Protein backbone atom coordinates (compact mmCIF):
# COMPACT_ATOMS: atom_id res chain seq x y z
CA MET A 1 182.75 -40.13 -160.56
CA THR A 2 186.51 -39.51 -160.69
CA LYS A 3 187.29 -42.99 -159.35
CA LEU A 4 185.00 -44.61 -161.93
CA MET A 5 186.67 -42.69 -164.77
CA ILE A 6 190.21 -43.56 -163.62
CA THR A 7 189.34 -47.26 -163.33
CA TYR A 8 187.76 -47.27 -166.79
CA MET A 9 190.87 -45.66 -168.37
CA ILE A 10 193.22 -48.15 -166.72
CA LEU A 11 191.21 -51.15 -167.93
CA THR A 12 190.30 -50.01 -171.49
CA VAL A 13 191.85 -46.81 -172.83
CA ILE A 14 195.50 -47.45 -171.93
CA PRO A 15 195.71 -51.04 -173.35
CA ILE A 16 193.99 -50.05 -176.59
CA SER A 17 196.27 -47.01 -176.95
CA ILE A 18 199.41 -49.14 -176.55
CA ILE A 19 198.23 -51.66 -179.15
CA GLY A 20 197.40 -48.88 -181.62
CA TYR A 21 200.80 -47.24 -181.12
CA ILE A 22 202.68 -50.49 -181.76
CA ALA A 23 200.67 -51.16 -184.93
CA TYR A 24 201.30 -47.65 -186.23
CA SER A 25 205.05 -47.84 -185.53
CA GLN A 26 205.42 -51.14 -187.41
CA TYR A 27 203.45 -49.83 -190.39
CA THR A 28 205.57 -46.65 -190.52
CA LYS A 29 208.82 -48.62 -190.45
CA SER A 30 207.55 -50.77 -193.32
CA ILE A 31 206.86 -47.69 -195.47
CA GLU A 32 210.27 -46.20 -194.68
CA LYS A 33 211.96 -49.45 -195.73
CA GLN A 34 210.08 -49.63 -199.04
CA VAL A 35 210.80 -45.99 -199.91
CA GLY A 36 214.43 -46.39 -198.85
CA GLU A 37 214.84 -49.19 -201.42
CA TYR A 38 212.81 -47.49 -204.18
CA ILE A 39 214.36 -44.00 -204.23
CA PRO A 40 218.00 -45.11 -204.84
CA LYS A 41 216.86 -46.99 -207.94
CA LEU A 42 215.23 -43.83 -209.25
CA LEU A 43 218.40 -41.87 -208.44
CA GLU A 44 220.50 -44.35 -210.40
CA GLN A 45 218.22 -43.98 -213.42
CA ALA A 46 218.30 -40.16 -213.07
CA ASN A 47 222.12 -40.22 -212.99
CA GLU A 48 222.19 -42.19 -216.25
CA ASN A 49 219.82 -39.67 -217.86
CA ILE A 50 221.99 -36.73 -216.75
CA GLU A 51 225.17 -38.41 -218.01
CA ASN A 52 223.53 -39.18 -221.37
CA GLN A 53 222.48 -35.55 -221.75
CA LEU A 54 225.96 -34.35 -220.82
CA ASN A 55 227.41 -36.69 -223.45
CA GLU A 56 225.13 -35.07 -226.02
CA VAL A 57 226.30 -31.64 -224.93
CA ARG A 58 229.91 -32.73 -225.30
CA GLN A 59 229.28 -33.28 -229.01
CA LEU A 60 228.07 -29.69 -229.55
CA PRO A 61 231.53 -28.11 -230.25
CA ASP A 62 232.01 -30.43 -233.26
CA ALA A 63 229.33 -28.43 -235.11
CA LEU A 64 231.89 -25.67 -235.68
CA TYR A 65 233.88 -27.90 -238.04
CA ASN A 66 230.87 -28.01 -240.37
CA SER A 67 231.53 -24.38 -241.38
CA SER A 68 234.67 -23.87 -243.40
CA GLN A 69 234.11 -20.09 -243.19
CA VAL A 70 234.24 -20.14 -239.39
CA ILE A 71 237.37 -22.33 -239.42
CA GLU A 72 238.97 -19.96 -241.88
CA VAL A 73 238.24 -16.97 -239.59
CA LEU A 74 239.71 -18.82 -236.60
CA ARG A 75 242.90 -19.57 -238.57
CA LYS A 76 243.49 -15.85 -239.17
CA ASP A 77 245.60 -13.89 -236.76
CA SER A 78 244.11 -10.93 -234.88
CA PHE A 79 246.11 -8.30 -236.80
CA GLN A 80 243.48 -7.37 -239.38
CA ASN A 81 241.96 -4.08 -240.41
CA LYS A 82 238.87 -2.96 -238.57
CA SER A 83 236.50 -3.73 -241.44
CA THR A 84 237.75 -7.31 -241.70
CA ILE A 85 237.54 -7.81 -237.95
CA LEU A 86 233.92 -6.61 -237.85
CA LYS A 87 233.02 -8.79 -240.85
CA ASP A 88 234.61 -11.87 -239.25
CA LYS A 89 232.91 -11.17 -235.96
CA PHE A 90 229.51 -10.85 -237.65
CA LEU A 91 230.05 -14.11 -239.58
CA VAL A 92 231.08 -16.16 -236.53
CA ASN A 93 228.44 -14.67 -234.21
CA SER A 94 225.72 -15.36 -236.77
CA TYR A 95 226.86 -18.97 -237.13
CA LEU A 96 226.90 -19.43 -233.35
CA SER A 97 223.34 -18.06 -233.11
CA ARG A 98 222.02 -20.31 -235.89
CA THR A 99 223.75 -23.44 -234.71
CA TYR A 100 223.49 -23.24 -230.93
CA ILE A 101 221.07 -20.56 -229.72
CA ASN A 102 218.38 -21.08 -232.39
CA GLY A 103 219.31 -24.64 -233.17
CA GLY A 104 216.61 -26.27 -231.09
CA ASN A 105 218.56 -26.88 -227.86
CA SER A 106 216.61 -24.78 -225.32
CA ASP A 107 219.07 -25.48 -222.49
CA ILE A 108 221.93 -23.45 -224.03
CA LEU A 109 222.19 -19.97 -222.47
CA GLY A 110 225.18 -18.76 -224.46
CA VAL A 111 228.22 -19.71 -226.56
CA PHE A 112 231.63 -18.00 -226.28
CA LEU A 113 234.49 -18.57 -228.73
CA LEU A 114 237.95 -17.31 -227.68
CA SER A 115 240.59 -17.19 -230.43
CA LYS A 116 243.79 -15.14 -230.65
CA ASN A 117 242.57 -12.32 -228.38
CA ARG A 118 239.19 -12.25 -230.10
CA LEU A 119 235.89 -13.01 -228.39
CA PHE A 120 232.91 -14.21 -230.42
CA THR A 121 229.61 -14.54 -228.52
CA SER A 122 225.98 -15.46 -228.96
CA THR A 123 223.64 -15.54 -225.96
CA LYS A 124 219.93 -15.66 -225.21
CA THR A 125 220.20 -12.78 -222.77
CA SER A 126 222.72 -10.21 -221.57
CA PHE A 127 225.72 -11.34 -219.53
CA THR A 128 228.58 -10.01 -217.40
CA GLY A 129 231.86 -11.33 -216.05
CA LEU A 130 233.46 -12.69 -219.26
CA GLY A 131 235.86 -10.69 -221.42
CA LEU A 132 239.27 -10.84 -223.02
CA GLU A 133 241.00 -10.07 -219.72
CA SER A 134 242.86 -13.15 -218.57
CA SER A 135 241.51 -12.74 -215.02
CA SER A 136 237.93 -13.19 -216.23
CA LEU A 137 238.60 -16.46 -218.10
CA PRO A 138 238.42 -19.77 -216.24
CA TYR A 139 241.54 -21.34 -217.79
CA GLY A 140 242.89 -18.74 -220.22
CA GLN A 141 242.82 -18.96 -224.02
CA ASP A 142 245.77 -21.18 -224.84
CA ILE A 143 245.54 -24.00 -222.30
CA GLU A 144 246.39 -27.40 -223.64
CA LEU A 145 243.36 -29.61 -222.94
CA ASN A 146 244.64 -32.34 -225.26
CA GLY A 147 241.24 -32.86 -226.81
CA ARG A 148 239.44 -33.19 -223.47
CA GLU A 149 236.39 -31.29 -222.31
CA GLU A 150 236.29 -29.51 -219.00
CA ILE A 151 233.05 -28.78 -217.10
CA ILE A 152 233.22 -25.48 -215.23
CA LEU A 153 230.86 -25.28 -212.28
CA PRO A 154 228.97 -22.04 -211.37
CA TYR A 155 231.27 -21.09 -208.50
CA GLN A 156 234.39 -21.47 -210.73
CA THR A 157 233.58 -18.55 -213.05
CA ASN A 158 232.56 -14.90 -212.83
CA LEU A 159 230.15 -15.30 -215.72
CA GLU A 160 226.56 -14.26 -214.90
CA PHE A 161 223.45 -14.03 -217.06
CA LYS A 162 220.47 -11.70 -216.64
CA GLY A 163 218.03 -13.19 -214.13
CA ASN A 164 220.93 -15.16 -212.58
CA PRO A 165 219.86 -18.66 -213.82
CA PRO A 166 221.98 -21.58 -212.55
CA PHE A 167 224.25 -23.08 -215.23
CA ILE A 168 227.41 -25.04 -215.96
CA VAL A 169 229.99 -24.29 -218.66
CA LEU A 170 231.38 -26.90 -221.07
CA MET A 171 234.88 -25.81 -222.20
CA ARG A 172 236.69 -27.46 -225.10
CA GLN A 173 239.83 -26.57 -227.02
CA LEU A 174 239.44 -26.41 -230.82
CA ARG A 175 242.17 -28.02 -232.92
CA ASP A 176 242.96 -27.46 -236.59
CA TYR A 177 243.25 -31.06 -237.79
CA GLU A 178 244.99 -30.03 -241.00
CA ASN A 179 247.99 -28.29 -239.46
CA GLN A 180 247.56 -29.46 -235.82
CA GLU A 181 247.37 -25.92 -234.45
CA ASN A 182 245.19 -24.49 -231.71
CA LEU A 183 242.22 -22.56 -233.15
CA GLY A 184 240.86 -21.33 -229.81
CA THR A 185 238.58 -22.39 -226.99
CA ILE A 186 234.79 -22.72 -227.03
CA LEU A 187 232.66 -22.31 -223.89
CA ILE A 188 229.01 -23.38 -223.91
CA ALA A 189 226.87 -22.23 -220.95
CA ILE A 190 224.09 -24.75 -220.30
CA ASP A 191 221.09 -24.06 -218.08
CA LEU A 192 220.80 -26.55 -215.20
CA SER A 193 217.14 -27.00 -216.06
CA PHE A 194 218.13 -30.23 -217.82
CA PHE A 195 218.96 -31.59 -214.35
CA GLU A 196 215.38 -30.86 -213.33
CA LYS A 197 214.05 -32.77 -216.33
CA ALA A 198 216.16 -35.78 -215.47
CA LEU A 199 215.11 -35.64 -211.82
CA ASN A 200 211.46 -34.90 -212.60
CA ASN A 201 210.19 -38.25 -211.34
CA LEU A 202 211.73 -37.59 -207.93
CA LYS A 203 210.15 -34.14 -207.52
CA GLU A 204 206.52 -35.23 -207.41
CA ASP A 205 206.53 -34.62 -203.68
CA LYS A 206 206.93 -30.84 -203.30
CA ASN A 207 208.34 -31.27 -199.80
CA SER A 208 211.39 -33.26 -200.95
CA ASN A 209 214.81 -31.75 -201.74
CA ILE A 210 217.28 -32.95 -204.41
CA TRP A 211 220.87 -31.75 -204.78
CA ILE A 212 224.11 -32.72 -206.51
CA THR A 213 227.56 -32.11 -205.00
CA ASP A 214 231.15 -32.31 -206.21
CA PRO A 215 233.84 -34.30 -204.30
CA ASP A 216 234.38 -31.36 -201.92
CA GLY A 217 230.72 -31.25 -200.94
CA ARG A 218 230.00 -28.07 -202.92
CA ILE A 219 226.51 -27.94 -204.32
CA ILE A 220 226.33 -28.02 -208.14
CA TYR A 221 222.53 -28.22 -208.34
CA HIS A 222 219.78 -27.84 -205.77
CA THR A 223 215.98 -27.61 -205.94
CA ASN A 224 216.52 -24.38 -203.99
CA PRO A 225 218.59 -22.30 -206.48
CA THR A 226 219.91 -19.99 -203.73
CA LEU A 227 222.01 -22.85 -202.33
CA ILE A 228 223.88 -23.56 -205.58
CA GLY A 229 227.59 -22.90 -205.05
CA GLU A 230 227.34 -23.27 -201.26
CA TYR A 231 229.00 -26.05 -199.29
CA ASP A 232 226.83 -28.80 -197.82
CA GLN A 233 227.97 -28.43 -194.20
CA LYS A 234 226.69 -31.90 -193.30
CA ASN A 235 228.27 -33.68 -196.29
CA GLU A 236 231.09 -35.20 -194.25
CA SER A 237 228.62 -36.60 -191.74
CA TYR A 238 226.73 -38.61 -194.38
CA PRO A 239 227.78 -42.25 -194.79
CA ASN A 240 229.70 -42.91 -198.04
CA ILE A 241 227.23 -45.45 -199.44
CA ASN A 242 224.77 -45.77 -202.28
CA GLY A 243 221.40 -46.28 -200.64
CA SER A 244 219.18 -44.72 -197.97
CA PHE A 245 219.65 -43.75 -194.34
CA LYS A 246 217.81 -41.78 -191.67
CA THR A 247 219.34 -38.68 -190.13
CA THR A 248 218.53 -36.12 -187.45
CA LEU A 249 221.21 -33.65 -188.62
CA LEU A 250 218.55 -31.49 -190.30
CA ASP A 251 215.79 -29.55 -188.55
CA GLU A 252 213.74 -32.74 -188.16
CA ASN A 253 213.98 -36.46 -188.93
CA HIS A 254 214.68 -37.07 -192.65
CA LEU A 255 215.16 -40.05 -194.93
CA ILE A 256 218.12 -39.37 -197.27
CA SER A 257 218.91 -41.42 -200.36
CA THR A 258 222.19 -41.02 -202.30
CA GLU A 259 223.80 -42.36 -205.49
CA ASP A 260 227.18 -41.73 -207.17
CA PHE A 261 227.59 -40.79 -210.85
CA HIS A 262 229.54 -43.27 -212.99
CA GLN A 263 231.33 -40.90 -215.40
CA TYR A 264 231.67 -37.84 -213.14
CA ASP A 265 232.95 -37.44 -209.63
CA TRP A 266 229.56 -36.18 -208.47
CA ARG A 267 226.98 -37.40 -206.02
CA VAL A 268 223.19 -36.91 -206.01
CA PHE A 269 221.07 -36.70 -202.84
CA HIS A 270 217.32 -36.97 -202.22
CA SER A 271 215.88 -35.87 -198.86
CA ILE A 272 212.33 -36.04 -197.54
CA ALA A 273 211.00 -35.47 -194.04
CA LEU A 274 209.66 -38.60 -192.39
CA LYS A 275 206.46 -36.78 -191.46
CA ASP A 276 205.82 -36.10 -195.19
CA LEU A 277 206.70 -39.67 -196.04
CA THR A 278 204.09 -41.02 -193.67
CA LYS A 279 201.30 -38.57 -194.49
CA GLU A 280 198.96 -41.31 -195.71
CA THR A 281 199.83 -43.38 -192.67
CA ASP A 282 199.03 -40.40 -190.48
CA ALA A 283 195.63 -40.05 -192.16
CA VAL A 284 194.87 -43.68 -191.28
CA ARG A 285 196.16 -43.07 -187.77
CA TYR A 286 194.01 -39.98 -187.30
CA GLY A 287 190.97 -41.85 -188.57
CA THR A 288 191.62 -44.65 -186.11
CA ILE A 289 192.14 -42.16 -183.31
CA ILE A 290 188.85 -40.40 -184.12
CA ALA A 291 186.97 -43.71 -184.10
CA PHE A 292 188.69 -44.64 -180.84
CA ILE A 293 187.77 -41.28 -179.29
CA ILE A 294 184.12 -41.70 -180.29
CA VAL A 295 183.96 -45.14 -178.64
CA VAL A 296 185.67 -43.81 -175.52
CA PHE A 297 183.34 -40.79 -175.46
CA LEU A 298 180.22 -42.95 -175.60
CA SER A 299 181.55 -45.14 -172.80
CA ILE A 300 182.36 -42.09 -170.69
CA VAL A 301 178.87 -40.67 -171.25
CA ILE A 302 177.34 -43.90 -169.95
CA SER A 303 179.61 -43.79 -166.90
CA ILE A 304 178.72 -40.16 -166.22
CA ILE A 305 174.98 -40.83 -166.39
CA LEU A 306 175.33 -43.50 -163.71
CA ALA A 307 176.90 -41.00 -161.28
CA TRP A 308 174.84 -37.99 -162.37
CA ASN A 309 172.14 -38.21 -159.73
CA VAL A 310 174.72 -37.91 -156.95
CA SER A 311 177.21 -35.41 -158.34
CA ASN A 312 174.92 -32.95 -160.16
CA PRO A 313 173.19 -31.48 -157.05
CA LEU A 314 176.58 -30.96 -155.40
CA LYS A 315 177.92 -29.19 -158.53
CA LYS A 316 174.88 -26.89 -158.52
CA LEU A 317 175.45 -26.07 -154.87
CA THR A 318 179.15 -25.32 -155.52
CA LYS A 319 178.28 -23.03 -158.45
CA LEU A 320 175.69 -21.10 -156.44
CA MET A 321 178.08 -20.73 -153.51
CA LYS A 322 180.64 -19.09 -155.86
CA GLN A 323 177.97 -16.61 -156.99
CA VAL A 324 177.16 -15.84 -153.35
CA GLU A 325 180.88 -15.22 -152.72
CA LYS A 326 180.78 -12.57 -155.48
CA GLY A 327 177.81 -10.83 -153.82
CA ASN A 328 174.90 -12.27 -155.84
CA PHE A 329 172.23 -13.33 -153.32
CA ASN A 330 169.44 -13.77 -155.88
CA VAL A 331 170.06 -17.52 -156.22
CA ASP A 332 167.91 -20.55 -155.57
CA LEU A 333 168.93 -24.21 -155.32
CA SER A 334 165.90 -25.93 -156.86
CA ILE A 335 166.22 -29.47 -155.50
CA HIS A 336 163.06 -31.05 -154.05
CA SER A 337 164.22 -34.54 -153.17
CA ARG A 338 163.71 -35.86 -149.65
CA ASP A 339 167.19 -37.23 -149.12
CA GLU A 340 170.20 -35.54 -147.52
CA ILE A 341 170.84 -33.42 -150.64
CA GLY A 342 167.27 -32.08 -150.52
CA THR A 343 167.66 -31.14 -146.85
CA LEU A 344 170.93 -29.37 -147.63
CA ALA A 345 169.30 -27.42 -150.49
CA LYS A 346 166.42 -26.32 -148.26
CA SER A 347 168.83 -25.07 -145.56
CA PHE A 348 170.94 -23.26 -148.18
CA ASN A 349 167.93 -21.41 -149.64
CA SER A 350 166.76 -20.40 -146.17
CA MET A 351 170.21 -19.07 -145.26
CA ILE A 352 170.51 -16.99 -148.49
CA THR A 353 167.06 -15.46 -147.96
CA GLU A 354 167.94 -14.44 -144.40
CA ILE A 355 171.28 -12.93 -145.47
CA ASN A 356 169.64 -10.98 -148.30
CA THR A 357 167.02 -9.54 -145.92
CA LEU A 358 169.67 -8.39 -143.44
CA ILE A 359 171.76 -6.78 -146.19
CA LYS A 360 168.82 -4.78 -147.55
CA LYS A 361 167.91 -3.66 -144.03
CA ASN A 362 171.45 -2.47 -143.27
CA TYR A 363 171.69 -0.79 -146.69
CA LYS A 364 168.59 1.32 -146.03
CA ILE A 365 169.95 2.36 -142.62
CA GLU A 366 173.29 3.38 -144.12
CA LEU A 367 171.56 5.28 -146.95
CA ARG A 368 169.51 7.32 -144.47
CA GLN A 369 172.68 8.13 -142.53
CA LYS A 370 174.41 9.38 -145.68
CA ASN A 371 171.38 11.50 -146.63
CA ALA A 372 171.43 13.08 -143.17
CA GLU A 373 175.14 13.82 -143.51
CA LEU A 374 174.55 15.29 -146.97
CA TYR A 375 171.88 17.69 -145.66
CA ALA A 376 174.27 18.69 -142.87
CA LEU A 377 177.03 19.47 -145.38
CA GLN A 378 174.64 21.47 -147.57
CA SER A 379 173.41 23.48 -144.60
CA GLN A 380 176.96 24.54 -143.77
CA ILE A 381 177.19 26.44 -147.03
CA ASN A 382 174.00 28.54 -147.03
CA PRO A 383 174.58 31.37 -144.41
CA HIS A 384 178.33 31.72 -144.86
CA PHE A 385 178.61 35.22 -146.35
CA MET A 386 175.30 36.74 -145.09
CA TYR A 387 176.88 38.88 -142.37
CA ASN A 388 179.29 40.68 -144.74
CA THR A 389 176.50 41.28 -147.25
CA LEU A 390 174.21 42.88 -144.65
CA GLU A 391 177.08 45.03 -143.50
CA THR A 392 177.63 46.24 -147.08
CA ILE A 393 173.92 47.00 -147.44
CA GLY A 394 174.12 49.04 -144.20
CA TYR A 395 176.96 51.15 -145.60
CA ALA A 396 175.01 51.71 -148.83
CA VAL A 397 171.95 52.90 -146.84
CA GLU A 398 174.11 55.40 -144.96
CA GLU A 399 175.48 56.65 -148.31
CA GLU A 400 171.88 56.84 -149.63
CA GLU A 401 172.75 54.58 -152.60
CA THR A 402 169.18 53.51 -153.09
CA GLU A 403 169.60 51.60 -156.37
CA SER A 404 172.55 49.63 -155.03
CA VAL A 405 170.63 48.79 -151.84
CA ILE A 406 167.61 47.58 -153.83
CA LYS A 407 169.74 45.49 -156.15
CA MET A 408 171.76 43.92 -153.31
CA VAL A 409 168.64 43.15 -151.25
CA THR A 410 167.00 41.60 -154.34
CA LEU A 411 170.06 39.45 -155.07
CA LEU A 412 170.37 38.43 -151.42
CA GLY A 413 166.70 37.44 -151.37
CA LYS A 414 167.16 35.22 -154.42
CA MET A 415 170.19 33.58 -152.85
CA LEU A 416 168.35 32.94 -149.55
CA ARG A 417 165.38 31.48 -151.41
CA TYR A 418 167.79 29.24 -153.35
CA SER A 419 169.52 28.08 -150.16
CA LEU A 420 166.39 27.48 -148.07
CA ASN A 421 165.21 24.68 -150.36
CA ASN A 422 167.22 21.92 -148.70
CA LYS A 423 165.33 19.19 -150.50
CA ASP A 424 167.16 19.93 -153.73
CA LYS A 425 170.22 17.71 -153.90
CA VAL A 426 170.89 18.45 -157.58
CA VAL A 427 169.73 21.35 -159.74
CA PRO A 428 170.19 22.41 -163.37
CA VAL A 429 173.58 23.91 -164.11
CA SER A 430 171.86 27.16 -165.06
CA PHE A 431 170.40 27.46 -161.50
CA GLU A 432 173.84 27.09 -159.93
CA LEU A 433 175.31 29.59 -162.40
CA THR A 434 172.58 32.11 -161.57
CA HIS A 435 173.29 31.68 -157.86
CA THR A 436 177.02 32.07 -158.49
CA THR A 437 176.47 35.19 -160.61
CA ASN A 438 174.34 36.70 -157.84
CA TYR A 439 177.03 35.94 -155.29
CA LEU A 440 179.80 37.50 -157.42
CA THR A 441 177.65 40.55 -158.17
CA ILE A 442 177.13 41.17 -154.42
CA GLN A 443 180.88 40.75 -153.84
CA LYS A 444 181.52 43.26 -156.65
CA PHE A 445 179.27 45.74 -154.80
CA ARG A 446 181.49 45.23 -151.75
CA PHE A 447 184.89 45.47 -153.43
CA GLU A 448 183.92 47.42 -156.57
CA ASP A 449 186.65 47.34 -159.24
CA ARG A 450 188.89 45.03 -157.25
CA ILE A 451 186.82 42.07 -158.44
CA SER A 452 186.08 41.05 -162.02
CA PHE A 453 184.66 37.77 -163.27
CA GLU A 454 183.88 35.98 -166.53
CA ILE A 455 181.60 32.98 -167.15
CA ASN A 456 181.96 30.85 -170.31
CA GLU A 457 179.18 28.33 -171.01
CA ASN A 458 180.02 25.67 -173.62
CA VAL A 459 177.15 23.30 -172.77
CA ASN A 460 173.37 23.50 -172.52
CA THR A 461 173.17 24.50 -168.86
CA ASN A 462 169.42 23.92 -168.71
CA GLN A 463 169.73 20.25 -169.73
CA PHE A 464 172.22 18.86 -167.20
CA TYR A 465 172.12 18.68 -163.38
CA ILE A 466 174.81 19.21 -160.74
CA PRO A 467 174.80 19.40 -156.90
CA LYS A 468 173.86 22.72 -155.25
CA PHE A 469 176.40 25.08 -153.70
CA ILE A 470 179.51 23.49 -155.24
CA MET A 471 180.87 26.66 -156.86
CA GLN A 472 180.32 29.34 -154.16
CA PRO A 473 182.79 27.90 -151.56
CA ILE A 474 185.54 27.71 -154.19
CA ILE A 475 184.92 31.30 -155.32
CA GLU A 476 184.94 32.47 -151.69
CA ASN A 477 188.45 31.03 -151.29
CA SER A 478 189.60 32.73 -154.52
CA ILE A 479 188.32 36.12 -153.31
CA LYS A 480 189.67 35.69 -149.80
CA TYR A 481 193.24 34.80 -150.76
CA GLY A 482 193.29 36.80 -154.01
CA LEU A 483 192.47 40.16 -152.43
CA ASP A 484 194.99 39.55 -149.65
CA GLN A 485 197.87 39.44 -152.15
CA HIS A 486 196.65 41.40 -155.17
CA GLU A 487 194.91 44.67 -155.83
CA THR A 488 192.51 42.99 -158.28
CA CYS A 489 190.97 39.51 -158.14
CA ILE A 490 190.09 38.01 -161.55
CA ILE A 491 187.89 34.90 -161.63
CA ILE A 492 187.18 32.94 -164.84
CA ILE A 493 184.54 30.18 -164.81
CA THR A 494 184.41 27.80 -167.79
CA ILE A 495 181.91 24.96 -168.29
CA ASP A 496 182.77 22.27 -170.90
CA LYS A 497 181.80 18.72 -171.74
CA THR A 498 184.15 15.87 -172.67
CA SER A 499 183.91 12.89 -175.03
CA ASP A 500 183.50 10.67 -171.93
CA ASN A 501 180.06 12.15 -171.17
CA GLU A 502 181.41 14.31 -168.36
CA ILE A 503 180.90 17.96 -167.41
CA VAL A 504 184.05 19.81 -166.37
CA ILE A 505 183.78 23.09 -164.47
CA ARG A 506 187.04 25.07 -164.23
CA ILE A 507 187.30 27.95 -161.75
CA LYS A 508 190.55 29.85 -162.26
CA ASP A 509 191.87 32.89 -160.39
CA ASN A 510 194.96 35.09 -160.44
CA GLY A 511 195.64 34.67 -156.71
CA PRO A 512 198.92 33.89 -154.93
CA GLY A 513 198.65 30.17 -155.63
CA ILE A 514 199.41 27.28 -153.27
CA ASN A 515 202.88 26.05 -152.44
CA GLU A 516 203.80 22.50 -153.43
CA LYS A 517 203.60 20.87 -149.99
CA VAL A 518 200.22 22.36 -149.10
CA LEU A 519 198.85 21.43 -152.55
CA GLU A 520 200.04 17.83 -152.18
CA LYS A 521 198.45 17.58 -148.75
CA LEU A 522 195.18 19.04 -150.06
CA ASN A 523 194.99 16.63 -153.03
CA THR A 524 195.80 13.71 -150.72
CA SER A 525 192.85 14.68 -148.51
CA LEU A 526 190.59 14.83 -151.56
CA ARG A 527 191.61 11.30 -152.63
CA LYS A 528 190.64 9.81 -149.26
CA ASP A 529 187.15 8.73 -148.12
CA PRO A 530 184.84 11.65 -149.02
CA MET A 531 183.13 11.49 -145.63
CA ALA A 532 186.44 11.53 -143.78
CA GLY A 533 186.54 15.30 -144.06
CA ARG A 534 182.95 16.05 -143.13
CA ASP A 535 184.00 17.76 -139.88
CA SER A 536 186.54 19.98 -141.64
CA SER A 537 186.10 23.72 -141.92
CA PHE A 538 183.93 25.10 -144.65
CA GLY A 539 185.75 24.63 -147.99
CA LEU A 540 186.97 22.40 -150.75
CA ILE A 541 186.84 19.06 -148.91
CA ASN A 542 183.14 19.44 -148.13
CA VAL A 543 182.37 20.20 -151.80
CA HIS A 544 184.39 17.19 -152.92
CA ALA A 545 182.59 15.01 -150.33
CA ARG A 546 179.16 16.03 -151.61
CA ILE A 547 180.02 15.26 -155.26
CA SER A 548 181.52 11.87 -154.37
CA MET A 549 178.56 10.90 -152.15
CA ILE A 550 176.04 11.67 -154.91
CA PHE A 551 177.81 10.41 -158.04
CA GLY A 552 180.54 8.07 -156.75
CA GLU A 553 184.30 8.11 -156.26
CA PRO A 554 185.37 8.69 -159.91
CA TYR A 555 183.94 12.20 -159.70
CA GLY A 556 184.90 15.12 -157.51
CA LEU A 557 187.36 17.96 -157.23
CA GLU A 558 190.98 18.47 -158.28
CA VAL A 559 193.26 21.42 -157.55
CA ASN A 560 196.08 22.67 -159.81
CA SER A 561 198.21 25.57 -158.63
CA ARG A 562 201.62 27.21 -158.81
CA THR A 563 202.96 29.79 -156.43
CA TYR A 564 202.41 33.35 -157.71
CA GLU A 565 200.64 32.01 -160.83
CA GLY A 566 197.12 31.52 -159.49
CA THR A 567 194.99 28.47 -158.76
CA GLU A 568 192.64 26.39 -160.92
CA VAL A 569 189.98 24.17 -159.32
CA ILE A 570 188.51 21.50 -161.63
CA LEU A 571 185.12 19.95 -160.86
CA LYS A 572 184.46 16.70 -162.75
CA LEU A 573 180.82 15.53 -162.84
CA PRO A 574 178.77 13.12 -164.99
CA MET A 575 176.37 14.49 -167.65
CA VAL A 576 173.13 13.81 -165.76
CA THR A 577 169.74 14.71 -167.28
CA GLU A 578 166.43 15.08 -165.45
CA GLY A 579 165.36 11.52 -166.27
CA GLU A 580 168.62 10.12 -164.93
CA VAL A 581 168.18 12.17 -161.75
CA LEU A 582 164.79 10.52 -161.21
CA ASP A 583 166.33 7.06 -161.67
CA MET A 584 169.20 7.94 -159.33
CA THR A 585 167.04 9.25 -156.48
CA GLY A 586 163.92 7.13 -156.98
CA GLY A 587 161.90 10.26 -157.79
CA GLU A 588 162.57 11.95 -154.45
CA ASP A 589 164.47 15.09 -153.46
CA ILE A 590 165.21 16.52 -156.90
CA ALA A 591 164.90 20.08 -158.03
């Protein structure tokens, strides 16, 4: 099948792909050429529109000469009384508002008239950075402009308006034509939005960028206002031509068109990514590719069908073999043909059946062995303390303590009855607690006030099941080592449940504790194979082995201890109910 597919791709797919790529490349180049010729013409028209609007703005200062009152105020010197100064300021400011701010020109942000240390203003919004201090003025008050206008760019002044709109300032010196004296200087701040209006036809594509720079490459206007006033770092790398060129200086391939202004020493740029320029071409390309893929897919399907009868049985066999590797032997290769593949399938099924039978047989043998070992471990625990108990009863008989003898004999009988039932692997927690209480009560008869114990039950002990005889060996150790070092042995047993559906039994004593090396060795033994310690002396390892054999390795016993601070043994078991015990044991050997 692989050889057929490779041959088909060499003969059909590769040639068609090459032809399609060449056609797409030629079509893309054609679009780039057309756009490269069209955009510069639009830029030239936009430049003319901007220059015409600037020429209109340059006529705005002449409106001041229409008011003889304003001219008269400007002719006065600044040494007037306060009342006259305020009256003149109100008159001029009102005229500036009527003529410029409310005069119908929406692009004007503010007008500032500087005359003989007086500042007259009218703005659309609040401003900062312009005052009578000489340092705040672009060219001072008394510069001789000889009738010319100066255009102050945003980065050449400290003037700022609320909202920080981009703007330019037209500055013109006012002359008194009657006596040929300087009346002052007028500054008109114009919002750069009129650039946007002139360049509106070029902004239809939202992914394009337009900017205007001065001779030094500093940006006067940009579609991204945050870049106004910054230097175009790549300006020197652009060719000094009017027209279009491609560049890779930006993040990706771009087509840049540029045009110089006629009346100003400015230059306008238009940039658009080639991928955005060829979006429609890409749509055609994707459509062609989809159609090509469909044709190729249909051809491949036909080729696959021809080889299906040979390759499919082998794929099935490979898949089933992987499942067998993972331990799943309940598989069947359902092929009934009489050829070599059919013979192979028949042999495979026969082999899997034989392996499955042998595994089940060995599993049953191993399970019986573990059950036998479990009974042996359980039997080790039953008669451990009987001798000492009988000895205590003997002393009580000699002392004629009849009630104590009766109570001890009764408790011992209950414990023997509990231990003789070797069929019970797991019992309710309440049964094990009763057995433990009986054991501790007998020990209290022996040692009297030297032993005290407390049992805290925080779960329903009748509902959940645990293995038999897992608490008594631990308590025996606590009593043995506790009474050797202390006058009184205190044992606290707490039974809790966790959010992980586990029962935790904590047996804590006030004994001498275990030193660090012995504790580490003990915990290492507990983490090993549970059956590895089955020949050990009666104690913790046997209890841990029983829990692990019944419920699995995640459960068992853990020891925490510090020298002279006592020892805490933690038994972690699953929350097993009676129904789950039946499922676990198959209905046999439960309490």
